N, C-alpha and C. Protein backbone atom coordinates (compact mmCIF):
# COMPACT_ATOMS: atom_id res chain seq x y z
N MET A 1 -21.08 1.93 57.26
CA MET A 1 -20.11 2.56 56.44
C MET A 1 -19.85 1.64 55.19
N HIS A 2 -20.06 0.33 55.57
CA HIS A 2 -19.61 -0.74 54.31
C HIS A 2 -20.74 -1.37 53.86
N ASN A 3 -21.95 -1.05 54.10
CA ASN A 3 -23.29 -1.65 53.67
C ASN A 3 -23.49 -1.19 52.24
N LYS A 4 -24.24 -1.99 51.52
CA LYS A 4 -24.41 -1.55 50.04
C LYS A 4 -25.19 -0.22 49.58
N VAL A 5 -26.13 0.12 50.47
CA VAL A 5 -26.72 1.44 50.38
C VAL A 5 -25.63 2.65 50.43
N VAL A 6 -24.88 2.49 51.48
CA VAL A 6 -23.82 3.66 51.65
C VAL A 6 -22.91 3.64 50.54
N TYR A 7 -22.28 2.39 50.09
CA TYR A 7 -21.48 2.12 49.05
C TYR A 7 -22.28 2.71 47.67
N HIS A 8 -23.28 2.45 47.34
CA HIS A 8 -23.92 2.83 46.16
C HIS A 8 -24.28 4.41 46.11
N THR A 9 -24.55 4.80 47.34
CA THR A 9 -24.52 6.48 47.53
C THR A 9 -23.27 6.90 47.15
N MET A 10 -22.12 6.51 47.72
CA MET A 10 -20.95 6.97 47.60
C MET A 10 -20.45 7.14 46.15
N LYS A 11 -20.84 5.95 45.44
CA LYS A 11 -20.49 5.98 43.84
C LYS A 11 -21.18 6.98 43.20
N ALA A 12 -22.67 7.33 43.58
CA ALA A 12 -23.38 8.54 42.94
C ALA A 12 -22.76 9.75 43.14
N PHE A 13 -22.29 10.03 44.40
CA PHE A 13 -21.52 11.34 44.67
C PHE A 13 -20.30 11.46 43.74
N SER A 14 -19.49 10.30 43.81
CA SER A 14 -18.18 10.31 43.33
C SER A 14 -18.17 10.44 41.75
N SER A 15 -19.40 9.91 41.26
CA SER A 15 -19.52 10.04 39.75
C SER A 15 -19.52 11.50 39.31
N PHE A 16 -19.94 12.49 40.01
CA PHE A 16 -19.68 13.76 39.86
C PHE A 16 -18.47 14.43 40.33
N GLY A 17 -17.38 13.62 40.77
CA GLY A 17 -16.07 14.19 41.05
C GLY A 17 -15.99 14.84 42.54
N LEU A 18 -17.30 14.49 43.28
CA LEU A 18 -17.30 15.03 44.61
C LEU A 18 -16.49 14.06 45.56
N PRO A 19 -15.65 14.87 46.54
CA PRO A 19 -15.00 14.15 47.38
C PRO A 19 -16.13 13.52 48.59
N VAL A 20 -15.95 12.49 48.68
CA VAL A 20 -16.93 11.77 49.63
C VAL A 20 -16.02 11.23 51.12
N LEU A 21 -16.92 11.47 52.24
CA LEU A 21 -16.25 10.89 53.39
C LEU A 21 -17.30 9.90 53.92
N ARG A 22 -17.00 8.57 54.03
CA ARG A 22 -17.89 7.72 54.91
C ARG A 22 -17.08 7.58 56.13
N PHE A 23 -18.19 7.35 57.32
CA PHE A 23 -17.44 7.06 58.59
C PHE A 23 -18.47 6.34 59.38
N ASN A 24 -17.83 5.69 60.28
CA ASN A 24 -18.73 5.02 61.29
C ASN A 24 -19.14 5.85 62.67
N PHE A 25 -20.33 5.75 63.07
CA PHE A 25 -20.58 6.37 64.20
C PHE A 25 -19.85 5.84 65.42
N ARG A 26 -19.75 6.63 66.49
CA ARG A 26 -19.02 6.00 67.85
C ARG A 26 -19.67 4.76 68.13
N SER A 27 -18.70 3.72 68.37
CA SER A 27 -18.99 2.57 68.90
C SER A 27 -19.38 1.52 67.73
N VAL A 28 -19.23 1.95 66.45
CA VAL A 28 -19.64 1.05 65.37
C VAL A 28 -18.25 0.57 64.75
N GLY A 29 -18.15 -0.81 64.54
CA GLY A 29 -16.85 -1.11 63.79
C GLY A 29 -15.82 -0.85 64.78
N LEU A 30 -14.80 -0.40 64.39
CA LEU A 30 -13.56 -0.29 65.16
C LEU A 30 -13.42 1.31 65.67
N SER A 31 -14.67 1.93 65.61
CA SER A 31 -14.55 3.32 66.22
C SER A 31 -14.64 3.19 67.77
N GLU A 32 -14.21 4.35 68.35
CA GLU A 32 -14.27 4.46 69.80
C GLU A 32 -15.59 5.07 70.30
N GLY A 33 -15.77 5.09 71.56
CA GLY A 33 -16.98 5.80 72.09
C GLY A 33 -18.13 4.65 72.41
N ILE A 34 -19.07 5.06 73.04
CA ILE A 34 -20.17 4.48 73.33
C ILE A 34 -21.46 5.03 72.61
N HIS A 35 -22.34 4.24 71.98
CA HIS A 35 -23.57 4.55 71.45
C HIS A 35 -24.41 5.66 72.17
N ASP A 36 -24.85 6.71 71.75
CA ASP A 36 -25.51 7.48 72.73
C ASP A 36 -26.95 7.96 72.10
N GLU A 37 -27.56 6.92 71.55
CA GLU A 37 -28.97 7.08 71.07
C GLU A 37 -29.36 8.44 70.29
N GLY A 38 -28.21 8.50 69.42
CA GLY A 38 -28.27 9.58 68.22
C GLY A 38 -27.72 11.02 68.71
N TYR A 39 -27.61 11.25 70.02
CA TYR A 39 -27.18 12.56 70.66
C TYR A 39 -25.72 12.81 70.24
N GLY A 40 -24.78 12.00 70.77
CA GLY A 40 -23.47 12.12 70.58
C GLY A 40 -23.22 11.91 68.99
N GLU A 41 -23.82 11.13 68.43
CA GLU A 41 -23.60 10.77 67.07
C GLU A 41 -23.84 12.07 66.18
N GLN A 42 -24.62 13.14 66.71
CA GLN A 42 -24.82 14.29 65.90
C GLN A 42 -23.34 15.05 66.18
N GLN A 43 -22.59 14.77 67.06
CA GLN A 43 -21.34 15.43 67.28
C GLN A 43 -20.42 14.78 66.18
N ASP A 44 -20.58 13.65 66.08
CA ASP A 44 -19.77 12.80 65.01
C ASP A 44 -19.91 13.40 63.57
N VAL A 45 -21.25 13.63 63.32
CA VAL A 45 -21.52 14.37 62.06
C VAL A 45 -20.87 15.70 61.97
N GLN A 46 -20.85 16.56 62.90
CA GLN A 46 -20.46 17.86 62.94
C GLN A 46 -18.97 17.81 62.67
N ALA A 47 -18.27 16.63 63.49
CA ALA A 47 -16.84 16.51 63.30
C ALA A 47 -16.53 16.23 62.01
N ALA A 48 -17.39 15.25 61.24
CA ALA A 48 -17.01 15.03 59.88
C ALA A 48 -17.09 16.17 59.06
N LEU A 49 -18.20 17.02 59.09
CA LEU A 49 -18.33 18.27 58.32
C LEU A 49 -17.29 19.17 58.65
N SER A 50 -16.56 19.25 59.78
CA SER A 50 -15.70 20.15 60.06
C SER A 50 -14.25 19.70 59.34
N TRP A 51 -13.91 18.33 59.44
CA TRP A 51 -12.89 17.67 58.67
C TRP A 51 -12.94 17.84 57.06
N MET A 52 -14.28 17.78 56.69
CA MET A 52 -14.35 18.14 55.16
C MET A 52 -14.27 19.39 54.76
N GLU A 53 -14.71 20.25 55.75
CA GLU A 53 -14.49 21.80 55.53
C GLU A 53 -12.96 22.02 55.61
N GLN A 54 -12.17 21.42 56.51
CA GLN A 54 -10.80 21.84 56.73
C GLN A 54 -9.92 21.30 55.44
N ASN A 55 -10.30 20.23 54.91
CA ASN A 55 -9.68 19.37 53.88
C ASN A 55 -9.84 19.63 52.49
N PHE A 56 -11.27 20.12 52.35
CA PHE A 56 -11.57 20.50 50.82
C PHE A 56 -12.15 21.87 50.75
N ASN A 57 -12.64 22.55 51.80
CA ASN A 57 -13.07 24.07 51.59
C ASN A 57 -14.13 24.06 50.33
N ARG A 58 -14.92 23.08 50.31
CA ARG A 58 -16.28 23.32 49.31
C ARG A 58 -17.48 22.99 49.82
N PRO A 59 -18.52 23.53 49.23
CA PRO A 59 -19.84 23.27 49.74
C PRO A 59 -20.01 21.88 49.99
N MET A 60 -20.82 21.47 50.93
CA MET A 60 -21.02 20.00 51.36
C MET A 60 -22.38 19.68 51.03
N LEU A 61 -22.48 18.37 50.95
CA LEU A 61 -23.88 17.77 50.85
C LEU A 61 -23.88 16.63 51.93
N PHE A 62 -24.90 16.43 52.37
CA PHE A 62 -25.10 15.23 53.34
C PHE A 62 -25.89 14.01 52.74
N ALA A 63 -25.51 12.91 52.95
CA ALA A 63 -26.48 11.85 52.76
C ALA A 63 -26.25 10.80 53.78
N GLY A 64 -27.40 10.27 54.37
CA GLY A 64 -27.32 9.35 55.35
C GLY A 64 -28.32 8.34 55.11
N PHE A 65 -28.01 6.97 55.62
CA PHE A 65 -28.96 5.74 55.53
C PHE A 65 -29.33 5.51 56.92
N SER A 66 -30.64 5.01 56.94
CA SER A 66 -31.41 4.61 58.04
C SER A 66 -31.07 5.57 59.36
N PHE A 67 -30.70 4.99 60.55
CA PHE A 67 -30.09 5.66 61.69
C PHE A 67 -29.46 6.99 61.19
N GLY A 68 -28.40 6.51 60.20
CA GLY A 68 -27.63 7.77 59.97
C GLY A 68 -28.33 8.76 59.33
N SER A 69 -29.44 8.61 58.47
CA SER A 69 -30.05 9.80 58.11
C SER A 69 -30.86 10.42 59.18
N ASN A 70 -31.36 9.81 60.12
CA ASN A 70 -32.11 10.50 61.21
C ASN A 70 -31.11 11.52 61.91
N VAL A 71 -29.96 10.89 62.20
CA VAL A 71 -28.89 11.64 63.08
C VAL A 71 -28.37 12.70 62.09
N GLY A 72 -28.00 12.34 60.75
CA GLY A 72 -27.49 13.46 60.02
C GLY A 72 -28.39 14.69 59.59
N LEU A 73 -29.65 14.30 59.48
CA LEU A 73 -30.55 15.33 59.02
C LEU A 73 -30.75 16.25 60.31
N ARG A 74 -30.68 15.71 61.49
CA ARG A 74 -30.78 16.43 62.79
C ARG A 74 -29.50 17.45 62.72
N ALA A 75 -28.35 16.78 62.42
CA ALA A 75 -27.31 17.60 62.77
C ALA A 75 -26.92 18.51 61.57
N CYS A 76 -27.37 18.35 60.27
CA CYS A 76 -27.03 19.14 59.19
C CYS A 76 -28.09 20.35 58.92
N CYS A 77 -29.29 20.01 59.39
CA CYS A 77 -30.47 21.00 59.15
C CYS A 77 -30.10 22.30 59.92
N GLY A 78 -30.01 23.46 59.05
CA GLY A 78 -29.51 24.75 59.62
C GLY A 78 -28.04 25.10 59.66
N ASP A 79 -27.27 23.94 59.31
CA ASP A 79 -25.88 24.26 59.11
C ASP A 79 -25.50 24.90 57.66
N PRO A 80 -25.01 26.08 57.71
CA PRO A 80 -25.00 26.86 56.27
C PRO A 80 -23.95 26.19 55.44
N ARG A 81 -23.08 25.47 56.17
CA ARG A 81 -22.14 24.59 55.26
C ARG A 81 -22.66 23.59 54.07
N VAL A 82 -23.83 23.00 54.56
CA VAL A 82 -24.61 22.19 54.11
C VAL A 82 -25.57 22.40 53.00
N LYS A 83 -25.21 22.19 51.77
CA LYS A 83 -26.25 22.75 50.59
C LYS A 83 -27.30 22.00 50.36
N GLY A 84 -27.18 20.66 50.78
CA GLY A 84 -28.38 19.71 50.20
C GLY A 84 -28.25 18.61 51.34
N LEU A 85 -29.47 17.91 51.35
CA LEU A 85 -29.46 16.71 52.29
C LEU A 85 -30.36 15.62 51.52
N ILE A 86 -29.81 14.32 51.76
CA ILE A 86 -30.36 13.18 51.31
C ILE A 86 -30.59 12.20 52.46
N GLY A 87 -31.90 11.74 52.64
CA GLY A 87 -32.15 10.74 53.57
C GLY A 87 -32.67 9.48 52.93
N LEU A 88 -31.89 8.34 53.19
CA LEU A 88 -32.35 6.97 52.60
C LEU A 88 -32.73 6.30 53.43
N GLY A 89 -33.83 5.64 53.29
CA GLY A 89 -34.51 4.44 54.17
C GLY A 89 -34.61 5.33 55.51
N VAL A 90 -35.35 6.47 55.43
CA VAL A 90 -35.42 7.30 56.74
C VAL A 90 -36.36 6.55 57.68
N PRO A 91 -35.84 6.19 58.89
CA PRO A 91 -36.62 5.36 59.84
C PRO A 91 -37.64 6.28 60.77
N VAL A 92 -38.93 5.66 60.69
CA VAL A 92 -39.77 6.45 61.41
C VAL A 92 -40.21 5.44 62.66
N ARG A 93 -40.26 4.09 62.56
CA ARG A 93 -40.45 3.10 63.50
C ARG A 93 -39.45 2.06 63.10
N ALA A 94 -38.58 1.75 64.19
CA ALA A 94 -37.57 0.67 63.86
C ALA A 94 -37.23 0.13 65.17
N GLU A 95 -37.49 -1.32 65.42
CA GLU A 95 -36.97 -2.05 66.47
C GLU A 95 -37.38 -1.50 67.89
N GLY A 96 -38.75 -1.15 68.04
CA GLY A 96 -39.29 -0.71 69.20
C GLY A 96 -39.02 0.91 69.32
N ARG A 97 -38.52 1.60 68.49
CA ARG A 97 -38.12 3.09 68.67
C ARG A 97 -38.90 3.77 67.59
N ASP A 98 -39.54 4.99 68.14
CA ASP A 98 -39.97 5.81 67.23
C ASP A 98 -39.14 7.06 66.90
N TYR A 99 -38.99 7.33 65.68
CA TYR A 99 -37.94 8.43 65.37
C TYR A 99 -38.73 9.68 65.13
N THR A 100 -38.38 10.75 65.68
CA THR A 100 -39.13 12.03 65.42
C THR A 100 -38.34 12.94 64.46
N TYR A 101 -38.92 13.69 63.85
CA TYR A 101 -38.57 14.70 62.81
C TYR A 101 -38.95 16.19 63.14
N GLY A 102 -39.34 16.65 64.26
CA GLY A 102 -39.65 17.82 64.59
C GLY A 102 -38.93 19.05 64.12
N PHE A 103 -37.65 18.77 63.77
CA PHE A 103 -36.75 19.77 63.50
C PHE A 103 -36.96 20.16 61.95
N LEU A 104 -37.59 19.31 61.23
CA LEU A 104 -37.59 19.33 59.85
C LEU A 104 -38.22 20.72 59.26
N PRO A 105 -39.23 21.19 60.02
CA PRO A 105 -39.90 22.54 59.41
C PRO A 105 -39.02 23.74 59.36
N LYS A 106 -37.81 23.62 60.06
CA LYS A 106 -36.82 24.61 60.10
C LYS A 106 -35.63 24.25 59.05
N CYS A 107 -35.83 23.46 58.37
CA CYS A 107 -34.71 22.85 57.60
C CYS A 107 -35.16 23.25 56.03
N THR A 108 -34.31 24.43 55.69
CA THR A 108 -34.70 25.06 54.42
C THR A 108 -33.92 24.55 53.21
N ALA A 109 -32.76 23.82 53.58
CA ALA A 109 -32.07 23.35 52.38
C ALA A 109 -32.77 22.33 51.58
N PRO A 110 -32.29 22.12 50.38
CA PRO A 110 -32.93 21.27 49.51
C PRO A 110 -32.79 19.93 50.06
N LYS A 111 -33.94 19.23 49.96
CA LYS A 111 -33.89 17.75 50.62
C LYS A 111 -34.31 16.98 49.77
N LEU A 112 -33.93 15.47 49.65
CA LEU A 112 -34.29 14.27 48.75
C LEU A 112 -34.46 13.21 49.83
N PHE A 113 -35.62 12.70 49.95
CA PHE A 113 -35.93 11.36 50.67
C PHE A 113 -36.21 10.39 49.80
N ILE A 114 -35.46 9.25 49.96
CA ILE A 114 -35.73 7.92 49.45
C ILE A 114 -36.07 6.71 50.04
N SER A 115 -36.97 6.08 49.74
CA SER A 115 -37.60 5.16 50.69
C SER A 115 -37.99 3.92 49.75
N GLY A 116 -37.82 2.59 50.07
CA GLY A 116 -38.54 1.64 49.61
C GLY A 116 -40.01 1.43 49.84
N ASP A 117 -40.84 1.09 48.81
CA ASP A 117 -42.20 1.19 49.05
C ASP A 117 -42.54 -0.03 49.84
N HIS A 118 -41.51 -0.72 50.35
CA HIS A 118 -42.09 -2.04 51.30
C HIS A 118 -40.96 -1.76 52.47
N ASP A 119 -40.74 -0.64 52.69
CA ASP A 119 -39.60 -0.22 53.89
C ASP A 119 -40.39 -0.75 55.24
N GLN A 120 -39.78 -1.67 55.94
CA GLN A 120 -40.34 -2.15 57.21
C GLN A 120 -40.26 -1.14 58.27
N TYR A 121 -39.23 -0.18 58.13
CA TYR A 121 -38.91 0.79 59.20
C TYR A 121 -39.43 2.26 58.79
N GLY A 122 -40.02 2.51 57.62
CA GLY A 122 -40.60 3.59 57.12
C GLY A 122 -41.93 3.48 56.47
N PRO A 123 -43.08 3.00 57.27
CA PRO A 123 -44.29 2.97 56.72
C PRO A 123 -44.77 4.28 55.96
N ARG A 124 -45.22 3.94 54.71
CA ARG A 124 -45.48 4.91 53.76
C ARG A 124 -46.38 6.03 54.43
N ASP A 125 -47.54 5.78 55.23
CA ASP A 125 -48.40 6.74 55.76
C ASP A 125 -47.53 7.95 56.76
N VAL A 126 -46.70 6.99 57.42
CA VAL A 126 -45.99 7.96 58.50
C VAL A 126 -44.93 8.82 57.78
N MET A 127 -44.30 8.20 56.83
CA MET A 127 -43.12 8.71 56.04
C MET A 127 -43.61 10.06 55.28
N GLU A 128 -44.83 9.77 54.87
CA GLU A 128 -45.57 10.98 53.98
C GLU A 128 -45.94 12.23 54.97
N GLY A 129 -46.33 11.72 56.11
CA GLY A 129 -46.59 12.79 57.12
C GLY A 129 -45.19 13.54 57.49
N VAL A 130 -44.13 12.79 57.81
CA VAL A 130 -42.77 13.36 57.81
C VAL A 130 -42.51 14.45 56.69
N PHE A 131 -42.78 13.91 55.53
CA PHE A 131 -42.25 14.77 54.31
C PHE A 131 -43.21 15.91 54.32
N GLU A 132 -44.40 15.85 54.48
CA GLU A 132 -45.19 17.11 54.51
C GLU A 132 -44.83 18.17 55.42
N ARG A 133 -44.28 17.76 56.58
CA ARG A 133 -43.88 18.92 57.42
C ARG A 133 -42.57 19.54 56.91
N ALA A 134 -41.91 18.97 55.99
CA ALA A 134 -40.53 19.74 55.62
C ALA A 134 -40.94 20.84 54.69
N PRO A 135 -40.20 21.96 54.73
CA PRO A 135 -40.44 22.93 53.66
C PRO A 135 -39.84 22.57 52.34
N GLU A 136 -40.20 23.31 51.42
CA GLU A 136 -39.63 23.09 50.01
C GLU A 136 -38.23 23.86 50.25
N PRO A 137 -37.26 23.65 49.23
CA PRO A 137 -37.34 22.44 48.20
C PRO A 137 -37.14 21.09 48.88
N LYS A 138 -37.96 20.03 48.42
CA LYS A 138 -37.93 18.72 48.88
C LYS A 138 -38.49 17.89 47.62
N ARG A 139 -37.99 16.60 47.68
CA ARG A 139 -38.55 15.47 46.94
C ARG A 139 -38.71 14.08 47.77
N LEU A 140 -39.60 13.51 47.52
CA LEU A 140 -39.82 12.21 48.19
C LEU A 140 -40.06 11.21 46.94
N VAL A 141 -39.27 10.17 47.02
CA VAL A 141 -39.29 9.21 45.91
C VAL A 141 -39.43 7.81 46.57
N TRP A 142 -40.23 7.07 46.06
CA TRP A 142 -40.64 5.53 46.51
C TRP A 142 -40.00 4.66 45.41
N ILE A 143 -39.10 3.78 45.78
CA ILE A 143 -38.60 2.68 45.00
C ILE A 143 -39.58 1.51 45.14
N ALA A 144 -40.30 1.43 44.02
CA ALA A 144 -41.07 0.19 43.92
C ALA A 144 -40.46 -1.11 44.05
N GLY A 145 -41.01 -1.98 44.81
CA GLY A 145 -40.50 -3.33 45.26
C GLY A 145 -39.35 -3.33 46.01
N ALA A 146 -39.14 -2.32 46.62
CA ALA A 146 -37.82 -2.27 47.44
C ALA A 146 -38.15 -2.26 49.01
N ASP A 147 -37.27 -3.00 49.70
CA ASP A 147 -37.44 -2.78 51.29
C ASP A 147 -36.41 -1.80 51.67
N HIS A 148 -36.28 -1.90 53.10
CA HIS A 148 -35.35 -0.65 53.72
C HIS A 148 -34.05 -0.62 53.06
N PHE A 149 -33.44 -1.77 52.54
CA PHE A 149 -32.14 -1.94 52.23
C PHE A 149 -32.14 -1.81 50.57
N PHE A 150 -33.20 -1.39 50.11
CA PHE A 150 -33.30 -1.41 48.60
C PHE A 150 -33.04 -2.62 48.12
N GLN A 151 -33.49 -4.01 48.67
CA GLN A 151 -33.35 -5.03 47.91
C GLN A 151 -34.78 -5.17 47.54
N GLY A 152 -35.01 -6.34 46.71
CA GLY A 152 -36.29 -6.82 46.20
C GLY A 152 -37.24 -7.43 47.02
N THR A 153 -38.49 -7.56 46.72
CA THR A 153 -39.43 -8.15 47.54
C THR A 153 -39.89 -9.35 46.68
N THR A 154 -40.54 -10.35 47.16
CA THR A 154 -40.93 -11.60 46.91
C THR A 154 -41.70 -11.22 45.54
N ASN A 155 -42.47 -10.26 45.43
CA ASN A 155 -43.24 -9.87 44.14
C ASN A 155 -42.24 -9.17 43.21
N SER A 156 -41.22 -8.71 43.65
CA SER A 156 -40.35 -7.90 42.67
C SER A 156 -39.03 -8.25 42.99
N PRO A 157 -38.34 -9.36 42.83
CA PRO A 157 -37.06 -9.82 43.14
C PRO A 157 -35.94 -9.03 42.57
N GLY A 158 -34.75 -9.06 43.34
CA GLY A 158 -33.63 -8.32 42.78
C GLY A 158 -33.42 -7.06 43.40
N PRO A 159 -32.16 -6.52 43.77
CA PRO A 159 -31.91 -5.31 44.16
C PRO A 159 -32.30 -4.22 43.45
N LYS A 160 -32.68 -2.96 44.14
CA LYS A 160 -33.23 -1.86 43.56
C LYS A 160 -32.27 -0.72 43.70
N LEU A 161 -30.92 -1.04 44.13
CA LEU A 161 -29.89 0.06 44.45
C LEU A 161 -29.52 0.90 43.10
N ASP A 162 -29.62 0.21 42.11
CA ASP A 162 -29.37 1.15 40.83
C ASP A 162 -30.34 2.16 40.63
N LEU A 163 -31.70 1.86 40.91
CA LEU A 163 -32.73 2.62 40.99
C LEU A 163 -32.51 3.99 41.97
N MET A 164 -32.24 3.41 43.12
CA MET A 164 -31.97 4.61 44.28
C MET A 164 -30.70 5.37 43.66
N GLN A 165 -29.75 4.75 43.26
CA GLN A 165 -28.44 5.66 42.82
C GLN A 165 -28.66 6.52 41.73
N GLU A 166 -29.79 6.29 40.76
CA GLU A 166 -30.06 7.04 39.61
C GLU A 166 -30.96 8.23 40.04
N GLU A 167 -31.90 7.85 41.16
CA GLU A 167 -32.48 9.14 41.78
C GLU A 167 -31.90 10.04 42.45
N ILE A 168 -30.40 9.60 43.20
CA ILE A 168 -29.57 10.75 43.67
C ILE A 168 -28.90 11.26 42.55
N ARG A 169 -28.64 10.64 41.55
CA ARG A 169 -27.82 11.43 40.32
C ARG A 169 -28.80 12.46 40.02
N SER A 170 -29.98 12.14 39.44
CA SER A 170 -31.08 13.04 39.00
C SER A 170 -31.00 14.19 39.90
N TRP A 171 -31.28 14.04 41.23
CA TRP A 171 -31.44 15.10 42.22
C TRP A 171 -30.27 15.88 42.18
N LEU A 172 -29.10 15.46 42.29
CA LEU A 172 -27.81 16.02 42.28
C LEU A 172 -27.71 17.02 40.95
N ARG A 173 -28.26 16.59 39.81
CA ARG A 173 -28.24 17.31 38.58
C ARG A 173 -29.44 18.59 38.80
N SER A 174 -30.51 18.17 38.97
CA SER A 174 -31.55 18.98 39.05
C SER A 174 -31.68 19.98 40.06
N GLU A 175 -31.32 19.65 41.15
CA GLU A 175 -31.73 20.60 42.56
C GLU A 175 -30.21 21.19 42.78
N ILE A 176 -29.41 20.55 42.69
CA ILE A 176 -27.91 21.04 43.08
C ILE A 176 -27.18 21.66 41.88
N GLY A 177 -27.59 21.22 40.69
CA GLY A 177 -26.98 21.83 39.58
C GLY A 177 -25.61 21.33 39.22
N LEU A 178 -25.49 19.88 39.40
CA LEU A 178 -24.12 19.34 39.08
C LEU A 178 -24.38 18.67 37.57
N SER A 179 -23.13 18.46 37.06
CA SER A 179 -23.19 17.94 35.70
C SER A 179 -22.31 17.02 35.29
């Protein structure tokens, strides 16, 4: 919830005047509960959507980073309240785990995927296969010289968070129609 990727994503959304809810999954930070390998965490996403619906009653967009993108995409695909989905640093292989995206072919909401071209948890060939199985509308953006956390590489030093943020803003304008 407090990492730079999530913070910069929140800033991109709030620049359009959108209400933003950042939250920790169960067992993270000071939250209660026990890590549930992504299953119970989908309930956390659904609870957050319900809270947003009750408090703002507006169409919703979802953005998640890393593990949060996997869990959130699974929880939000097919939810009629969610009008667009953003997956940042979508993991396909991380710390001995393979993440699957078999649900994506049924996900018809507009989708934006942003990854660093040096993302150690999202190898380009595997991520492009995940992307190909998702139906339109969809966009996949590779941030040159960025790792999983949108930080620079040895050959391209310096953070790339501003590039990530501009891609989000551009997509919100073009695909969602915000100005």
